[in-house]
Amino acid sequence: MSHNEYIMGKTLVIVTHPKLGSSKINKRWIEELKKHPENIIIHDLHATYPSLEIDVQKEQQLLESADKVILQFPFYWFNCPPFLKKWIDDVLAHGWAFGKNSGYKLAGKKFALAVTAGIKEEDYSATGKYDFTLEELTTPFATTFKYVKADYKPLYAFYGEEYNPTQEDIDTNAKNYIDYIENL
């Protein structure tokens, strides 16, 4: 069985966290994801590419073989980690993901974000500390996936990591993450 046959029909979760070892929420999400190997493939970019040199063809093959793709990352400086941005720039290449004669290889595939935010949800609002919702701040992702003709879905988030959430809140959120994935 080839790797592509193995992943076909599953959800590919691309994890990009530069300090995963010290993460509370992303690490807990991964623990929960690992309980569902029949449906979910976890792809840790930092573990796969410690030198930060991306095998573009391998990444494109993974994307082509998945039905659903989730980009999981911590939200900081109102964006994704730099390595995920590099991955997007390199992998969603002209001639493959978009452009004349590309075949739009991601067309129709469901894409979504799973984001951990240190700040409370109410701070991400028109009347909150940062003036914008998390959905508004992640609009470039929605636009990117629309541009490559993918089916972009609403994001999933954990808010308030900096406010010492209880283990029960973290565990509940991790279980809800699985429900979110199943219902995409």
Protein backbone atom coordinates (compact mmCIF):
# COMPACT_ATOMS: atom_id res chain seq x y z
CA MET A 1 0.00 0.00 0.00
CA SER A 2 1.41 3.36 -0.98
CA HIS A 3 1.35 6.32 1.40
CA ASN A 4 -1.29 8.00 -0.76
CA GLU A 5 -3.62 5.00 -0.54
CA TYR A 6 -3.07 4.99 3.22
CA ILE A 7 -4.21 8.60 3.62
CA MET A 8 -6.98 8.61 0.99
CA GLY A 9 -10.29 9.59 2.56
CA LYS A 10 -8.73 10.85 5.75
CA THR A 11 -8.21 14.23 7.32
CA LEU A 12 -4.67 15.54 7.13
CA VAL A 13 -3.80 17.74 10.10
CA ILE A 14 -0.68 19.80 9.40
CA VAL A 15 0.76 20.88 12.74
CA THR A 16 3.15 23.81 12.78
CA HIS A 17 4.36 24.73 16.26
CA PRO A 18 7.97 25.83 16.77
CA LYS A 19 7.88 24.90 20.48
CA LEU A 20 5.48 21.97 20.56
CA GLY A 21 7.24 20.43 23.55
CA SER A 22 6.21 23.33 25.77
CA SER A 23 2.72 23.67 24.32
CA LYS A 24 -0.32 22.93 26.46
CA ILE A 25 -3.16 23.08 23.98
CA ASN A 26 -1.55 21.94 20.71
CA LYS A 27 0.06 19.01 22.51
CA ARG A 28 -3.29 18.03 24.04
CA TRP A 29 -5.02 18.37 20.67
CA ILE A 30 -2.43 16.00 19.16
CA GLU A 31 -3.02 13.46 21.95
CA GLU A 32 -6.71 13.50 21.06
CA LEU A 33 -6.03 13.32 17.31
CA LYS A 34 -3.84 10.24 17.84
CA LYS A 35 -6.86 8.37 19.21
CA HIS A 36 -8.36 8.43 15.69
CA PRO A 37 -5.72 6.97 13.33
CA GLU A 38 -8.43 5.47 11.14
CA ASN A 39 -9.62 8.98 10.21
CA ILE A 40 -6.80 11.41 10.95
CA ILE A 41 -3.19 11.72 9.81
CA ILE A 42 -1.00 14.07 11.87
CA HIS A 43 1.80 15.75 9.95
CA ASP A 44 4.16 17.77 12.18
CA LEU A 45 6.10 20.10 9.91
CA HIS A 46 8.85 20.92 12.42
CA ALA A 47 9.45 17.23 13.19
CA THR A 48 9.41 16.33 9.48
CA TYR A 49 11.66 19.20 8.42
CA PRO A 50 13.99 20.18 11.29
CA SER A 51 16.23 21.97 8.76
CA LEU A 52 13.16 23.89 7.51
CA GLU A 53 13.82 22.60 3.97
CA ILE A 54 10.49 21.44 2.59
CA ASP A 55 10.06 18.53 0.18
CA VAL A 56 7.48 20.30 -1.96
CA GLN A 57 6.58 17.28 -4.09
CA LYS A 58 6.00 15.12 -0.98
CA GLU A 59 3.80 17.81 0.54
CA GLN A 60 1.80 18.20 -2.65
CA GLN A 61 1.25 14.43 -2.82
CA LEU A 62 0.00 14.44 0.80
CA LEU A 63 -2.41 17.24 0.02
CA GLU A 64 -3.68 15.57 -3.13
CA SER A 65 -4.40 12.36 -1.26
CA ALA A 66 -6.40 13.89 1.62
CA ASP A 67 -10.07 14.83 1.52
CA LYS A 68 -9.85 17.37 4.33
CA VAL A 69 -6.84 19.43 5.43
CA ILE A 70 -6.51 21.33 8.69
CA LEU A 71 -3.68 23.72 9.41
CA GLN A 72 -3.12 23.60 13.17
CA PHE A 73 -0.95 26.28 14.77
CA PRO A 74 -0.59 28.80 17.58
CA PHE A 75 -1.74 32.29 16.63
CA TYR A 76 0.85 34.90 17.48
CA TRP A 77 1.63 38.31 16.14
CA PHE A 78 -1.81 37.98 14.56
CA ASN A 79 -0.60 35.38 12.10
CA CYS A 80 0.70 31.85 11.70
CA PRO A 81 4.23 30.70 12.55
CA PRO A 82 6.78 31.72 9.88
CA PHE A 83 7.46 28.10 8.88
CA LEU A 84 3.79 27.60 8.00
CA LYS A 85 3.89 30.73 5.84
CA LYS A 86 6.98 29.32 4.08
CA TRP A 87 5.16 26.01 3.61
CA ILE A 88 2.18 27.81 2.03
CA ASP A 89 4.47 29.86 -0.22
CA ASP A 90 6.47 26.82 -1.36
CA VAL A 91 3.80 24.11 -1.56
CA LEU A 92 0.86 26.02 -3.03
CA ALA A 93 2.90 26.67 -6.13
CA HIS A 94 1.86 28.27 -9.40
CA GLY A 95 1.27 25.55 -11.95
CA TRP A 96 0.11 23.13 -9.27
CA ALA A 97 -2.30 24.85 -6.88
CA PHE A 98 -3.30 27.67 -9.21
CA GLY A 99 -2.64 29.23 -12.57
CA LYS A 100 -3.07 28.32 -16.18
CA ASN A 101 -2.80 24.56 -16.78
CA SER A 102 -2.38 23.88 -13.04
CA GLY A 103 -5.40 21.69 -12.78
CA TYR A 104 -6.09 23.42 -9.43
CA LYS A 105 -5.07 20.30 -7.50
CA LEU A 106 -6.78 21.47 -4.29
CA ALA A 107 -10.09 22.39 -5.92
CA GLY A 108 -13.01 21.20 -3.83
CA LYS A 109 -10.90 19.88 -0.94
CA LYS A 110 -12.05 21.07 2.46
CA PHE A 111 -9.53 23.29 4.24
CA ALA A 112 -9.76 24.75 7.73
CA LEU A 113 -7.67 26.24 10.50
CA ALA A 114 -7.33 25.01 14.07
CA VAL A 115 -5.82 27.87 16.03
CA THR A 116 -4.72 28.34 19.61
CA ALA A 117 -4.87 31.91 20.86
CA GLY A 118 -3.40 33.17 24.08
CA ILE A 119 -5.92 35.97 24.33
CA LYS A 120 -9.55 35.64 25.44
CA GLU A 121 -12.24 35.46 22.77
CA GLU A 122 -13.89 38.72 23.86
CA ASP A 123 -10.61 40.55 23.13
CA TYR A 124 -10.96 39.44 19.51
CA SER A 125 -13.99 41.56 18.67
CA ALA A 126 -14.91 44.98 17.31
CA THR A 127 -15.28 46.20 20.89
CA GLY A 128 -12.40 44.17 22.32
CA LYS A 129 -8.73 44.87 22.85
CA TYR A 130 -7.72 43.98 19.27
CA ASP A 131 -10.69 45.41 17.28
CA PHE A 132 -11.06 42.33 15.06
CA THR A 133 -12.35 38.79 15.41
CA LEU A 134 -10.04 35.84 14.90
CA GLU A 135 -12.03 35.08 11.74
CA GLU A 136 -11.30 38.57 10.41
CA LEU A 137 -7.62 38.31 11.29
CA THR A 138 -7.34 34.99 9.43
CA THR A 139 -9.02 36.32 6.27
CA PRO A 140 -5.78 35.92 4.25
CA PHE A 141 -6.09 32.14 4.75
CA ALA A 142 -9.70 32.17 3.57
CA THR A 143 -8.68 34.22 0.54
CA THR A 144 -5.73 31.94 -0.21
CA PHE A 145 -7.86 28.80 -0.17
CA LYS A 146 -10.58 30.46 -2.22
CA TYR A 147 -7.91 31.48 -4.73
CA VAL A 148 -6.83 27.84 -5.19
CA LYS A 149 -10.52 26.82 -5.41
CA ALA A 150 -10.48 24.84 -2.16
CA ASP A 151 -13.55 24.70 0.08
CA TYR A 152 -12.53 26.81 3.08
CA LYS A 153 -14.46 26.12 6.29
CA PRO A 154 -14.83 28.17 9.49
CA LEU A 155 -11.92 27.87 11.90
CA TYR A 156 -11.72 26.04 15.22
CA ALA A 157 -10.05 27.79 18.13
CA PHE A 158 -8.97 27.62 21.71
CA TYR A 159 -8.97 31.05 23.29
CA GLY A 160 -7.29 32.24 26.47
CA GLU A 161 -4.27 29.96 26.79
CA GLU A 162 -2.39 32.75 28.60
CA TYR A 163 -5.04 32.79 31.34
CA ASN A 164 -4.23 29.36 32.78
CA PRO A 165 -7.21 27.35 31.56
CA THR A 166 -8.21 24.34 33.63
CA GLN A 167 -7.27 20.85 32.48
CA GLU A 168 -10.99 20.15 32.17
CA ASP A 169 -11.40 23.11 29.77
CA ILE A 170 -8.43 21.90 27.71
CA ASP A 171 -9.72 18.31 27.62
CA THR A 172 -13.23 19.39 26.64
CA ASN A 173 -11.85 21.59 23.88
CA ALA A 174 -9.69 18.71 22.58
CA LYS A 175 -12.71 16.39 22.40
CA ASN A 176 -14.73 19.13 20.69
CA TYR A 177 -11.89 19.46 18.15
CA ILE A 178 -12.53 15.85 17.07
CA ASP A 179 -16.25 16.60 16.67
CA TYR A 180 -15.34 19.67 14.63
CA ILE A 181 -13.16 17.57 12.30
CA GLU A 182 -15.81 14.89 11.89
CA ASN A 183 -18.42 17.50 10.99
CA LEU A 184 -16.36 19.46 8.46
